[in-house]
Amino acid sequence: MFKLNCILCGVILCIFPFSSALYFHIGETERKCFIEEIPDETTVIVNYKVELFDPKSGGFMPSSPGIGMHVEARDPDDKPILSRVYSSEGRISFTSQTPGEHVICLYSNSTSWFSGSQLRVHLDIQVGEHAIDYANVAHKEKLSEIQLRVRQLLDQVEQITKEQNYQRYREERFRQTSESTNQRVLWWSVAQTCILLVMGAWQMRHLKSFFEAKKLV
């Protein structure tokens, strides 16, 4: 029973980080970026909605059609995955090619339209099986409830496998970094020791020359 509970907790911890919803405030020239650790060959869907601050009511209202957001996504090698201007409300999708930290940035497509007004951006990032619309899948493939549930479980297992592979990849990268750091520290210590030995030999020779010049030896 205890082992089963540990496995369930591990599955929950693996699945939970793959979906996040929030909102934030930005100015018309401000840029907001988010970092998501994503395994390779994983689908990412970004849903967003922009609201404009209304000074009269002191709240936020739906934005006009002219307000849009420039959305950028870059992979761990800082190569652009997508970069284009979308409307005030949109849904963006891309698939990761390499594992690691992906950067998703949003900023307004105008610098004068809002006259310095503040924007509220609702953002929902879904990764892996959370990005799949299972209702649509069931409708297209005509799956029963049991078949759909099995499909969800298979997708979850596949996503967990990808996450485990990504964790092994991170562990390998960390090990390589640690070994490289330890090697550099070792060579630095060897270099310091060599410098001290050379300086000591030089000082001894200098003292010997000094004593010989003074006829003390």
N, C-alpha and C. Protein backbone atom coordinates (compact mmCIF):
# COMPACT_ATOMS: atom_id res chain seq x y z
N MET A 1 0.84 -1.21 0.00
CA MET A 1 0.00 0.00 0.00
C MET A 1 0.87 1.25 0.00
N PHE A 2 1.90 1.23 0.84
CA PHE A 2 2.80 2.39 0.91
C PHE A 2 3.49 2.62 -0.42
N LYS A 3 3.92 1.50 -1.05
CA LYS A 3 4.60 1.61 -2.35
C LYS A 3 3.66 2.19 -3.40
N LEU A 4 2.37 1.76 -3.37
CA LEU A 4 1.39 2.28 -4.33
C LEU A 4 1.17 3.77 -4.13
N ASN A 5 1.10 4.20 -2.87
CA ASN A 5 0.93 5.63 -2.59
C ASN A 5 2.11 6.44 -3.09
N CYS A 6 3.32 5.90 -2.94
CA CYS A 6 4.52 6.60 -3.43
C CYS A 6 4.48 6.74 -4.94
N ILE A 7 4.04 5.66 -5.63
CA ILE A 7 3.96 5.72 -7.09
C ILE A 7 2.94 6.76 -7.53
N LEU A 8 1.77 6.80 -6.84
CA LEU A 8 0.74 7.77 -7.19
C LEU A 8 1.22 9.19 -6.95
N CYS A 9 1.93 9.42 -5.86
CA CYS A 9 2.47 10.75 -5.57
C CYS A 9 3.48 11.16 -6.64
N GLY A 10 4.31 10.19 -7.07
CA GLY A 10 5.29 10.49 -8.10
C GLY A 10 4.62 10.86 -9.41
N VAL A 11 3.55 10.13 -9.75
CA VAL A 11 2.82 10.44 -10.99
C VAL A 11 2.21 11.83 -10.92
N ILE A 12 1.62 12.17 -9.78
CA ILE A 12 1.01 13.49 -9.62
C ILE A 12 2.05 14.59 -9.73
N LEU A 13 3.20 14.39 -9.10
CA LEU A 13 4.26 15.40 -9.16
C LEU A 13 4.81 15.55 -10.58
N CYS A 14 4.82 14.48 -11.34
CA CYS A 14 5.30 14.55 -12.72
C CYS A 14 4.30 15.27 -13.61
N ILE A 15 3.00 15.07 -13.35
CA ILE A 15 1.98 15.63 -14.22
C ILE A 15 1.68 17.08 -13.88
N PHE A 16 1.70 17.43 -12.61
CA PHE A 16 1.25 18.76 -12.18
C PHE A 16 1.99 19.91 -12.85
N PRO A 17 3.33 19.89 -13.01
CA PRO A 17 4.01 21.05 -13.55
C PRO A 17 3.72 21.32 -15.02
N PHE A 18 2.99 20.45 -15.72
CA PHE A 18 2.82 20.62 -17.15
C PHE A 18 1.62 21.49 -17.50
N SER A 19 1.00 22.14 -16.54
CA SER A 19 -0.10 23.03 -16.84
C SER A 19 -0.05 24.20 -15.86
N SER A 20 -0.12 25.41 -16.37
CA SER A 20 -0.07 26.58 -15.50
C SER A 20 -0.95 27.68 -16.08
N ALA A 21 -1.76 28.31 -15.21
CA ALA A 21 -2.64 29.40 -15.62
C ALA A 21 -2.41 30.56 -14.68
N LEU A 22 -2.32 31.77 -15.23
CA LEU A 22 -2.07 32.96 -14.43
C LEU A 22 -2.46 34.19 -15.23
N TYR A 23 -2.41 35.34 -14.59
CA TYR A 23 -2.55 36.60 -15.31
C TYR A 23 -1.52 37.58 -14.76
N PHE A 24 -1.14 38.54 -15.59
CA PHE A 24 -0.14 39.53 -15.19
C PHE A 24 -0.45 40.85 -15.88
N HIS A 25 0.13 41.92 -15.36
CA HIS A 25 -0.07 43.26 -15.90
C HIS A 25 1.19 43.72 -16.61
N ILE A 26 1.03 44.34 -17.76
CA ILE A 26 2.17 44.89 -18.49
C ILE A 26 1.78 46.24 -19.08
N GLY A 27 2.79 47.08 -19.34
CA GLY A 27 2.59 48.33 -20.06
C GLY A 27 2.70 48.10 -21.55
N GLU A 28 2.49 49.15 -22.32
CA GLU A 28 2.46 48.99 -23.77
C GLU A 28 3.83 48.67 -24.35
N THR A 29 4.90 49.02 -23.67
CA THR A 29 6.24 48.73 -24.18
C THR A 29 6.94 47.64 -23.37
N GLU A 30 6.24 47.09 -22.41
CA GLU A 30 6.86 46.10 -21.52
C GLU A 30 6.84 44.71 -22.15
N ARG A 31 7.84 43.94 -21.80
CA ARG A 31 7.99 42.59 -22.34
C ARG A 31 8.03 41.59 -21.18
N LYS A 32 7.24 40.55 -21.29
CA LYS A 32 7.21 39.51 -20.26
C LYS A 32 7.62 38.18 -20.88
N CYS A 33 8.53 37.49 -20.19
CA CYS A 33 9.00 36.19 -20.67
C CYS A 33 8.81 35.14 -19.59
N PHE A 34 8.54 33.94 -20.02
CA PHE A 34 8.34 32.81 -19.12
C PHE A 34 9.21 31.65 -19.58
N ILE A 35 9.75 30.93 -18.62
CA ILE A 35 10.62 29.79 -18.91
C ILE A 35 9.89 28.51 -18.55
N GLU A 36 9.82 27.61 -19.50
CA GLU A 36 9.19 26.31 -19.29
C GLU A 36 10.21 25.21 -19.61
N GLU A 37 10.39 24.30 -18.66
CA GLU A 37 11.25 23.14 -18.90
C GLU A 37 10.42 22.07 -19.60
N ILE A 38 10.77 21.79 -20.86
CA ILE A 38 9.94 20.93 -21.70
C ILE A 38 10.79 19.80 -22.27
N PRO A 39 10.33 18.55 -22.19
CA PRO A 39 11.03 17.45 -22.86
C PRO A 39 10.94 17.60 -24.38
N ASP A 40 11.70 16.80 -25.09
CA ASP A 40 11.64 16.87 -26.55
C ASP A 40 10.37 16.18 -27.07
N GLU A 41 10.00 16.56 -28.29
CA GLU A 41 8.82 16.02 -28.97
C GLU A 41 7.56 16.13 -28.11
N THR A 42 7.39 17.29 -27.51
CA THR A 42 6.25 17.54 -26.64
C THR A 42 5.46 18.73 -27.17
N THR A 43 4.15 18.58 -27.23
CA THR A 43 3.28 19.65 -27.72
C THR A 43 3.03 20.67 -26.62
N VAL A 44 3.11 21.94 -26.98
CA VAL A 44 2.86 23.04 -26.05
C VAL A 44 1.78 23.94 -26.65
N ILE A 45 0.77 24.24 -25.85
CA ILE A 45 -0.30 25.14 -26.28
C ILE A 45 -0.34 26.33 -25.32
N VAL A 46 -0.33 27.52 -25.88
CA VAL A 46 -0.38 28.75 -25.09
C VAL A 46 -1.69 29.47 -25.41
N ASN A 47 -2.56 29.60 -24.41
CA ASN A 47 -3.80 30.37 -24.55
C ASN A 47 -3.64 31.69 -23.82
N TYR A 48 -4.03 32.78 -24.45
CA TYR A 48 -3.92 34.08 -23.80
C TYR A 48 -5.11 34.96 -24.17
N LYS A 49 -5.36 35.93 -23.31
CA LYS A 49 -6.44 36.89 -23.53
C LYS A 49 -6.01 38.22 -22.93
N VAL A 50 -6.16 39.29 -23.69
CA VAL A 50 -5.70 40.62 -23.27
C VAL A 50 -6.90 41.47 -22.88
N GLU A 51 -6.81 42.14 -21.74
CA GLU A 51 -7.83 43.09 -21.29
C GLU A 51 -7.19 44.46 -21.09
N LEU A 52 -7.94 45.51 -21.37
CA LEU A 52 -7.45 46.89 -21.29
C LEU A 52 -7.99 47.58 -20.05
N PHE A 53 -7.13 48.33 -19.37
CA PHE A 53 -7.54 49.03 -18.15
C PHE A 53 -8.49 50.18 -18.49
N ASP A 54 -9.58 50.27 -17.75
CA ASP A 54 -10.59 51.32 -17.94
C ASP A 54 -10.50 52.30 -16.77
N PRO A 55 -9.97 53.53 -16.99
CA PRO A 55 -9.83 54.50 -15.89
C PRO A 55 -11.16 54.88 -15.25
N LYS A 56 -12.26 54.84 -16.01
CA LYS A 56 -13.56 55.26 -15.47
C LYS A 56 -14.06 54.29 -14.42
N SER A 57 -14.00 53.02 -14.74
CA SER A 57 -14.50 52.01 -13.80
C SER A 57 -13.43 51.50 -12.85
N GLY A 58 -12.15 51.76 -13.18
CA GLY A 58 -11.07 51.29 -12.35
C GLY A 58 -10.81 49.80 -12.50
N GLY A 59 -11.41 49.20 -13.52
CA GLY A 59 -11.22 47.77 -13.76
C GLY A 59 -10.69 47.52 -15.15
N PHE A 60 -10.78 46.29 -15.59
CA PHE A 60 -10.29 45.90 -16.90
C PHE A 60 -11.45 45.45 -17.76
N MET A 61 -11.44 45.86 -19.01
CA MET A 61 -12.50 45.53 -19.95
C MET A 61 -11.92 44.78 -21.14
N PRO A 62 -12.75 44.08 -21.90
CA PRO A 62 -12.24 43.39 -23.10
C PRO A 62 -11.57 44.37 -24.05
N SER A 63 -10.47 43.98 -24.62
CA SER A 63 -9.71 44.87 -25.49
C SER A 63 -10.37 44.98 -26.85
N SER A 64 -10.02 46.04 -27.57
CA SER A 64 -10.55 46.26 -28.92
C SER A 64 -9.83 45.37 -29.91
N PRO A 65 -10.39 45.17 -31.11
CA PRO A 65 -9.75 44.29 -32.11
C PRO A 65 -8.37 44.77 -32.54
N GLY A 66 -8.10 46.08 -32.39
CA GLY A 66 -6.80 46.61 -32.83
C GLY A 66 -5.65 46.26 -31.91
N ILE A 67 -5.96 45.79 -30.71
CA ILE A 67 -4.92 45.45 -29.76
C ILE A 67 -4.47 44.01 -30.01
N GLY A 68 -3.19 43.83 -30.17
CA GLY A 68 -2.65 42.49 -30.40
C GLY A 68 -1.41 42.24 -29.57
N MET A 69 -0.96 41.02 -29.59
CA MET A 69 0.24 40.64 -28.85
C MET A 69 1.23 39.98 -29.79
N HIS A 70 2.48 40.37 -29.60
CA HIS A 70 3.57 39.72 -30.34
C HIS A 70 4.07 38.58 -29.45
N VAL A 71 4.04 37.37 -29.99
CA VAL A 71 4.42 36.18 -29.22
C VAL A 71 5.67 35.58 -29.84
N GLU A 72 6.64 35.29 -28.98
CA GLU A 72 7.88 34.65 -29.41
C GLU A 72 8.13 33.41 -28.55
N ALA A 73 8.69 32.39 -29.17
CA ALA A 73 9.10 31.18 -28.44
C ALA A 73 10.47 30.76 -28.95
N ARG A 74 11.37 30.48 -28.02
CA ARG A 74 12.74 30.09 -28.37
C ARG A 74 13.09 28.80 -27.65
N ASP A 75 13.91 27.98 -28.33
CA ASP A 75 14.31 26.70 -27.76
C ASP A 75 15.52 26.89 -26.85
N PRO A 76 16.02 25.82 -26.19
CA PRO A 76 17.18 25.96 -25.29
C PRO A 76 18.44 26.49 -25.96
N ASP A 77 18.54 26.34 -27.28
CA ASP A 77 19.70 26.88 -28.01
C ASP A 77 19.47 28.30 -28.48
N ASP A 78 18.39 28.95 -28.00
CA ASP A 78 18.03 30.32 -28.34
C ASP A 78 17.65 30.47 -29.81
N LYS A 79 17.22 29.39 -30.42
CA LYS A 79 16.74 29.46 -31.80
C LYS A 79 15.23 29.71 -31.80
N PRO A 80 14.74 30.62 -32.66
CA PRO A 80 13.30 30.92 -32.65
C PRO A 80 12.46 29.75 -33.15
N ILE A 81 11.43 29.43 -32.40
CA ILE A 81 10.46 28.42 -32.82
C ILE A 81 9.30 29.08 -33.54
N LEU A 82 8.83 30.21 -32.98
CA LEU A 82 7.80 31.01 -33.64
C LEU A 82 7.96 32.45 -33.20
N SER A 83 7.53 33.37 -34.07
CA SER A 83 7.59 34.80 -33.78
C SER A 83 6.64 35.51 -34.73
N ARG A 84 5.51 35.93 -34.19
CA ARG A 84 4.53 36.62 -35.02
C ARG A 84 3.55 37.39 -34.14
N VAL A 85 2.75 38.25 -34.79
CA VAL A 85 1.77 39.06 -34.08
C VAL A 85 0.41 38.36 -34.16
N TYR A 86 -0.23 38.24 -33.01
CA TYR A 86 -1.55 37.63 -32.93
C TYR A 86 -2.56 38.68 -32.45
N SER A 87 -3.82 38.31 -32.44
CA SER A 87 -4.87 39.22 -32.00
C SER A 87 -4.86 39.33 -30.48
N SER A 88 -5.86 40.04 -29.93
CA SER A 88 -5.92 40.25 -28.48
C SER A 88 -6.26 38.98 -27.71
N GLU A 89 -6.73 37.97 -28.40
CA GLU A 89 -7.03 36.69 -27.78
C GLU A 89 -6.65 35.60 -28.75
N GLY A 90 -5.89 34.64 -28.29
CA GLY A 90 -5.42 33.64 -29.23
C GLY A 90 -4.99 32.34 -28.58
N ARG A 91 -4.65 31.41 -29.43
CA ARG A 91 -4.20 30.08 -29.04
C ARG A 91 -3.02 29.71 -29.92
N ILE A 92 -1.86 29.52 -29.32
CA ILE A 92 -0.64 29.23 -30.06
C ILE A 92 -0.18 27.82 -29.72
N SER A 93 0.30 27.11 -30.72
CA SER A 93 0.74 25.74 -30.51
C SER A 93 2.07 25.52 -31.21
N PHE A 94 2.97 24.79 -30.54
CA PHE A 94 4.22 24.38 -31.16
C PHE A 94 4.69 23.09 -30.49
N THR A 95 5.62 22.42 -31.16
CA THR A 95 6.17 21.16 -30.64
C THR A 95 7.66 21.32 -30.41
N SER A 96 8.12 20.96 -29.23
CA SER A 96 9.54 21.09 -28.89
C SER A 96 10.35 20.05 -29.65
N GLN A 97 11.53 20.46 -30.10
CA GLN A 97 12.44 19.56 -30.82
C GLN A 97 13.61 19.10 -29.96
N THR A 98 14.00 19.95 -29.02
CA THR A 98 15.10 19.61 -28.13
C THR A 98 14.64 19.79 -26.68
N PRO A 99 15.12 18.96 -25.76
CA PRO A 99 14.72 19.11 -24.35
C PRO A 99 15.45 20.28 -23.70
N GLY A 100 14.79 20.89 -22.71
CA GLY A 100 15.44 21.97 -21.98
C GLY A 100 14.50 23.13 -21.72
N GLU A 101 15.08 24.26 -21.36
CA GLU A 101 14.32 25.45 -21.00
C GLU A 101 13.91 26.23 -22.25
N HIS A 102 12.61 26.30 -22.48
CA HIS A 102 12.06 27.07 -23.59
C HIS A 102 11.55 28.41 -23.06
N VAL A 103 11.81 29.46 -23.78
CA VAL A 103 11.43 30.81 -23.37
C VAL A 103 10.25 31.28 -24.23
N ILE A 104 9.17 31.70 -23.56
CA ILE A 104 7.99 32.22 -24.24
C ILE A 104 7.82 33.68 -23.82
N CYS A 105 7.84 34.60 -24.78
CA CYS A 105 7.76 36.03 -24.50
C CYS A 105 6.53 36.64 -25.17
N LEU A 106 5.92 37.60 -24.47
CA LEU A 106 4.77 38.32 -25.00
C LEU A 106 4.98 39.82 -24.78
N TYR A 107 4.59 40.62 -25.77
CA TYR A 107 4.59 42.07 -25.61
C TYR A 107 3.62 42.67 -26.61
N SER A 108 3.21 43.92 -26.35
CA SER A 108 2.20 44.57 -27.18
C SER A 108 2.73 44.84 -28.58
N ASN A 109 1.81 44.88 -29.55
CA ASN A 109 2.21 45.16 -30.92
C ASN A 109 2.18 46.65 -31.25
N SER A 110 1.96 47.51 -30.24
CA SER A 110 1.90 48.94 -30.48
C SER A 110 2.57 49.69 -29.35
N THR A 111 3.04 50.91 -29.64
CA THR A 111 3.67 51.74 -28.61
C THR A 111 2.93 53.06 -28.41
N SER A 112 1.85 53.29 -29.12
CA SER A 112 1.15 54.57 -28.99
C SER A 112 -0.37 54.40 -28.90
N TRP A 113 -0.89 53.21 -29.19
CA TRP A 113 -2.33 53.02 -29.25
C TRP A 113 -2.99 53.20 -27.90
N PHE A 114 -2.32 52.71 -26.85
CA PHE A 114 -2.96 52.68 -25.53
C PHE A 114 -2.71 53.94 -24.71
N SER A 115 -1.84 54.81 -25.15
CA SER A 115 -1.51 56.05 -24.42
C SER A 115 -1.04 55.76 -23.01
N GLY A 116 -0.23 54.76 -22.87
CA GLY A 116 0.33 54.43 -21.56
C GLY A 116 -0.57 53.59 -20.69
N SER A 117 -1.66 53.07 -21.23
CA SER A 117 -2.59 52.27 -20.43
C SER A 117 -1.96 50.94 -20.05
N GLN A 118 -2.54 50.36 -19.03
CA GLN A 118 -2.04 49.08 -18.55
C GLN A 118 -2.88 47.95 -19.12
N LEU A 119 -2.23 46.84 -19.40
CA LEU A 119 -2.90 45.67 -19.94
C LEU A 119 -2.86 44.55 -18.92
N ARG A 120 -3.92 43.77 -18.89
CA ARG A 120 -3.93 42.53 -18.12
C ARG A 120 -3.98 41.37 -19.10
N VAL A 121 -3.02 40.48 -18.97
CA VAL A 121 -2.92 39.34 -19.88
C VAL A 121 -3.17 38.06 -19.10
N HIS A 122 -4.21 37.34 -19.49
CA HIS A 122 -4.48 36.02 -18.92
C HIS A 122 -3.73 34.99 -19.75
N LEU A 123 -2.93 34.17 -19.08
CA LEU A 123 -2.07 33.23 -19.78
C LEU A 123 -2.25 31.82 -19.22
N ASP A 124 -2.39 30.88 -20.12
CA ASP A 124 -2.53 29.47 -19.74
C ASP A 124 -1.62 28.65 -20.65
N ILE A 125 -0.60 28.03 -20.05
CA ILE A 125 0.37 27.22 -20.79
C ILE A 125 0.11 25.76 -20.47
N GLN A 126 -0.17 24.98 -21.50
CA GLN A 126 -0.45 23.56 -21.34
C GLN A 126 0.60 22.76 -22.09
N VAL A 127 1.14 21.75 -21.42
CA VAL A 127 2.24 20.96 -21.97
C VAL A 127 1.87 19.49 -21.95
N GLY A 128 2.25 18.79 -23.00
CA GLY A 128 2.05 17.34 -23.04
C GLY A 128 0.61 16.95 -23.25
N GLU A 129 0.14 15.95 -22.49
CA GLU A 129 -1.22 15.46 -22.69
C GLU A 129 -2.26 16.48 -22.26
N HIS A 130 -1.84 17.48 -21.45
CA HIS A 130 -2.77 18.53 -21.05
C HIS A 130 -3.16 19.41 -22.24
N ALA A 131 -2.34 19.38 -23.28
CA ALA A 131 -2.63 20.19 -24.46
C ALA A 131 -3.55 19.49 -25.44
N ILE A 132 -3.96 18.26 -25.15
CA ILE A 132 -4.81 17.50 -26.07
C ILE A 132 -6.28 17.70 -25.70
N ASP A 133 -7.08 18.02 -26.68
CA ASP A 133 -8.53 18.16 -26.50
C ASP A 133 -9.16 16.79 -26.68
N TYR A 134 -9.35 16.10 -25.56
CA TYR A 134 -9.84 14.72 -25.64
C TYR A 134 -11.30 14.65 -26.08
N ALA A 135 -12.08 15.68 -25.81
CA ALA A 135 -13.46 15.68 -26.30
C ALA A 135 -13.48 15.68 -27.82
N ASN A 136 -12.60 16.47 -28.42
CA ASN A 136 -12.51 16.50 -29.87
C ASN A 136 -11.97 15.18 -30.42
N VAL A 137 -10.99 14.59 -29.71
CA VAL A 137 -10.43 13.31 -30.14
C VAL A 137 -11.51 12.22 -30.11
N ALA A 138 -12.29 12.21 -29.04
CA ALA A 138 -13.35 11.20 -28.92
C ALA A 138 -14.39 11.38 -30.02
N HIS A 139 -14.69 12.63 -30.38
CA HIS A 139 -15.68 12.89 -31.43
C HIS A 139 -15.16 12.46 -32.80
N LYS A 140 -13.89 12.78 -33.08
CA LYS A 140 -13.32 12.45 -34.39
C LYS A 140 -13.11 10.95 -34.56
N GLU A 141 -12.58 10.30 -33.53
CA GLU A 141 -12.26 8.88 -33.65
C GLU A 141 -13.38 7.98 -33.15
N LYS A 142 -14.49 8.60 -32.68
CA LYS A 142 -15.66 7.86 -32.22
C LYS A 142 -15.28 6.84 -31.14
N LEU A 143 -14.62 7.35 -30.10
CA LEU A 143 -14.17 6.49 -29.01
C LEU A 143 -15.23 6.42 -27.92
N SER A 144 -15.33 5.27 -27.30
CA SER A 144 -16.21 5.15 -26.14
C SER A 144 -15.53 5.76 -24.92
N GLU A 145 -16.27 5.81 -23.82
CA GLU A 145 -15.71 6.42 -22.61
C GLU A 145 -14.50 5.64 -22.11
N ILE A 146 -14.60 4.30 -22.16
CA ILE A 146 -13.49 3.46 -21.71
C ILE A 146 -12.29 3.61 -22.64
N GLN A 147 -12.54 3.61 -23.95
CA GLN A 147 -11.45 3.78 -24.91
C GLN A 147 -10.77 5.13 -24.75
N LEU A 148 -11.57 6.16 -24.50
CA LEU A 148 -11.00 7.50 -24.30
C LEU A 148 -10.15 7.53 -23.04
N ARG A 149 -10.62 6.87 -21.97
CA ARG A 149 -9.86 6.85 -20.72
C ARG A 149 -8.55 6.11 -20.90
N VAL A 150 -8.58 5.00 -21.65
CA VAL A 150 -7.35 4.26 -21.94
C VAL A 150 -6.39 5.12 -22.74
N ARG A 151 -6.92 5.87 -23.70
CA ARG A 151 -6.10 6.77 -24.51
C ARG A 151 -5.44 7.83 -23.62
N GLN A 152 -6.19 8.38 -22.68
CA GLN A 152 -5.63 9.37 -21.76
C GLN A 152 -4.51 8.77 -20.92
N LEU A 153 -4.74 7.56 -20.41
CA LEU A 153 -3.73 6.91 -19.58
C LEU A 153 -2.46 6.62 -20.38
N LEU A 154 -2.63 6.19 -21.64
CA LEU A 154 -1.47 5.93 -22.48
C LEU A 154 -0.70 7.21 -22.76
N ASP A 155 -1.42 8.31 -22.99
CA ASP A 155 -0.75 9.59 -23.21
C ASP A 155 -0.02 10.06 -21.96
N GLN A 156 -0.63 9.82 -20.79
CA GLN A 156 0.02 10.20 -19.54
C GLN A 156 1.28 9.38 -19.31
N VAL A 157 1.22 8.08 -19.59
CA VAL A 157 2.41 7.23 -19.44
C VAL A 157 3.51 7.69 -20.39
N GLU A 158 3.13 8.02 -21.63
CA GLU A 158 4.12 8.50 -22.60
C GLU A 158 4.76 9.80 -22.14
N GLN A 159 3.93 10.70 -21.57
CA GLN A 159 4.46 11.98 -21.09
C GLN A 159 5.38 11.78 -19.89
N ILE A 160 5.02 10.86 -19.00
CA ILE A 160 5.87 10.56 -17.85
C ILE A 160 7.20 9.98 -18.31
N THR A 161 7.16 9.11 -19.33
CA THR A 161 8.39 8.55 -19.89
C THR A 161 9.27 9.66 -20.46
N LYS A 162 8.67 10.60 -21.18
CA LYS A 162 9.43 11.72 -21.72
C LYS A 162 10.04 12.56 -20.60
N GLU A 163 9.27 12.76 -19.54
CA GLU A 163 9.78 13.54 -18.41
C GLU A 163 10.93 12.82 -17.73
N GLN A 164 10.83 11.51 -17.58
CA GLN A 164 11.92 10.74 -16.99
C GLN A 164 13.17 10.81 -17.86
N ASN A 165 12.99 10.71 -19.17
CA ASN A 165 14.13 10.84 -20.08
C ASN A 165 14.75 12.23 -19.98
N TYR A 166 13.90 13.24 -19.81
CA TYR A 166 14.41 14.60 -19.67
C TYR A 166 15.19 14.75 -18.37
N GLN A 167 14.69 14.14 -17.29
CA GLN A 167 15.41 14.22 -16.02
C GLN A 167 16.77 13.52 -16.12
N ARG A 168 16.82 12.38 -16.85
CA ARG A 168 18.10 11.72 -17.08
C ARG A 168 19.03 12.60 -17.91
N TYR A 169 18.46 13.30 -18.88
CA TYR A 169 19.25 14.23 -19.69
C TYR A 169 19.82 15.36 -18.83
N ARG A 170 18.98 15.91 -17.94
CA ARG A 170 19.45 16.97 -17.03
C ARG A 170 20.53 16.43 -16.10
N GLU A 171 20.33 15.21 -15.61
CA GLU A 171 21.32 14.62 -14.71
C GLU A 171 22.65 14.43 -15.43
N GLU A 172 22.60 14.00 -16.69
CA GLU A 172 23.82 13.83 -17.48
C GLU A 172 24.52 15.16 -17.71
N ARG A 173 23.73 16.20 -18.03
CA ARG A 173 24.31 17.53 -18.23
C ARG A 173 24.94 18.04 -16.94
N PHE A 174 24.26 17.81 -15.82
CA PHE A 174 24.79 18.25 -14.53
C PHE A 174 26.08 17.51 -14.19
N ARG A 175 26.10 16.20 -14.49
CA ARG A 175 27.30 15.41 -14.22
C ARG A 175 28.47 15.90 -15.07
N GLN A 176 28.21 16.18 -16.34
CA GLN A 176 29.26 16.69 -17.22
C GLN A 176 29.78 18.04 -16.73
N THR A 177 28.85 18.91 -16.28
CA THR A 177 29.27 20.21 -15.76
C THR A 177 30.11 20.05 -14.50
N SER A 178 29.70 19.14 -13.61
CA SER A 178 30.44 18.90 -12.37
C SER A 178 31.84 18.36 -12.66
N GLU A 179 31.92 17.41 -13.59
CA GLU A 179 33.23 16.86 -13.94
C GLU A 179 34.12 17.92 -14.57
N SER A 180 33.55 18.75 -15.43
CA SER A 180 34.33 19.81 -16.05
C SER A 180 34.83 20.81 -15.01
N THR A 181 33.94 21.16 -14.05
CA THR A 181 34.33 22.09 -12.99
C THR A 181 35.43 21.50 -12.11
N ASN A 182 35.26 20.23 -11.73
CA ASN A 182 36.28 19.57 -10.90
C ASN A 182 37.62 19.48 -11.63
N GLN A 183 37.58 19.22 -12.92
CA GLN A 183 38.82 19.14 -13.69
C GLN A 183 39.51 20.50 -13.75
N ARG A 184 38.72 21.55 -13.94
CA ARG A 184 39.31 22.89 -13.98
C ARG A 184 39.90 23.28 -12.63
N VAL A 185 39.19 22.91 -11.55
CA VAL A 185 39.72 23.20 -10.21
C VAL A 185 41.02 22.44 -9.98
N LEU A 186 41.08 21.18 -10.43
CA LEU A 186 42.30 20.39 -10.29
C LEU A 186 43.46 21.02 -11.05
N TRP A 187 43.24 21.41 -12.31
CA TRP A 187 44.31 22.02 -13.09
C TRP A 187 44.72 23.37 -12.52
N TRP A 188 43.75 24.11 -11.96
CA TRP A 188 44.10 25.38 -11.32
C TRP A 188 44.99 25.15 -10.10
N SER A 189 44.66 24.10 -9.32
CA SER A 189 45.50 23.78 -8.16
C SER A 189 46.90 23.37 -8.60
N VAL A 190 46.98 22.56 -9.67
CA VAL A 190 48.29 22.16 -10.19
C VAL A 190 49.08 23.37 -10.67
N ALA A 191 48.38 24.30 -11.35
CA ALA A 191 49.05 25.51 -11.84
C ALA A 191 49.55 26.36 -10.68
N GLN A 192 48.75 26.49 -9.63
CA GLN A 192 49.18 27.25 -8.45
C GLN A 192 50.41 26.61 -7.81
N THR A 193 50.37 25.28 -7.69
CA THR A 193 51.51 24.58 -7.09
C THR A 193 52.78 24.80 -7.91
N CYS A 194 52.66 24.71 -9.23
CA CYS A 194 53.83 24.92 -10.10
C CYS A 194 54.36 26.34 -9.96
N ILE A 195 53.45 27.32 -9.89
CA ILE A 195 53.88 28.71 -9.75
C ILE A 195 54.61 28.91 -8.43
N LEU A 196 54.07 28.30 -7.34
CA LEU A 196 54.73 28.43 -6.04
C LEU A 196 56.12 27.80 -6.05
N LEU A 197 56.25 26.63 -6.70
CA LEU A 197 57.55 25.97 -6.78
C LEU A 197 58.54 26.81 -7.57
N VAL A 198 58.08 27.37 -8.70
CA VAL A 198 58.96 28.23 -9.51
C VAL A 198 59.37 29.47 -8.74
N MET A 199 58.41 30.09 -8.05
CA MET A 199 58.72 31.29 -7.26
C MET A 199 59.68 30.95 -6.13
N GLY A 200 59.48 29.80 -5.47
CA GLY A 200 60.39 29.41 -4.40
C GLY A 200 61.80 29.16 -4.91
N ALA A 201 61.91 28.48 -6.08
CA ALA A 201 63.23 28.23 -6.66
C ALA A 201 63.90 29.54 -7.06
N TRP A 202 63.10 30.47 -7.61
CA TRP A 202 63.67 31.77 -8.01
C TRP A 202 64.16 32.54 -6.79
N GLN A 203 63.37 32.51 -5.70
CA GLN A 203 63.77 33.22 -4.48
C GLN A 203 65.04 32.61 -3.88
N MET A 204 65.12 31.29 -3.87
CA MET A 204 66.31 30.63 -3.35
C MET A 204 67.54 31.01 -4.17
N ARG A 205 67.40 31.03 -5.48
CA ARG A 205 68.53 31.39 -6.34
C ARG A 205 68.91 32.86 -6.13
N HIS A 206 67.90 33.72 -5.97
CA HIS A 206 68.17 35.13 -5.75
C HIS A 206 68.90 35.34 -4.42
N LEU A 207 68.46 34.62 -3.36
CA LEU A 207 69.12 34.74 -2.06
C LEU A 207 70.56 34.22 -2.13
N LYS A 208 70.75 33.13 -2.86
CA LYS A 208 72.09 32.58 -3.00
C LYS A 208 73.02 33.57 -3.69
N SER A 209 72.50 34.22 -4.75
CA SER A 209 73.31 35.23 -5.46
C SER A 209 73.60 36.41 -4.56
N PHE A 210 72.63 36.79 -3.72
CA PHE A 210 72.82 37.91 -2.81
C PHE A 210 73.90 37.60 -1.76
N PHE A 211 73.83 36.40 -1.17
CA PHE A 211 74.82 36.02 -0.19
C PHE A 211 76.21 35.90 -0.80
N GLU A 212 76.30 35.39 -2.02
CA GLU A 212 77.59 35.30 -2.69
C GLU A 212 78.15 36.66 -3.00
N ALA A 213 77.27 37.62 -3.37
CA ALA A 213 77.73 38.99 -3.65
C ALA A 213 78.24 39.66 -2.38
N LYS A 214 77.62 39.37 -1.25
CA LYS A 214 78.05 39.95 0.02
C LYS A 214 79.16 39.13 0.67
N LYS A 215 79.57 38.06 0.00
CA LYS A 215 80.63 37.18 0.51
C LYS A 215 80.28 36.62 1.88
N LEU A 216 78.97 36.29 2.02
CA LEU A 216 78.53 35.69 3.29
C LEU A 216 78.62 34.18 3.25
N VAL A 217 78.75 33.63 2.05
CA VAL A 217 78.89 32.18 1.93
C VAL A 217 80.12 31.89 1.09
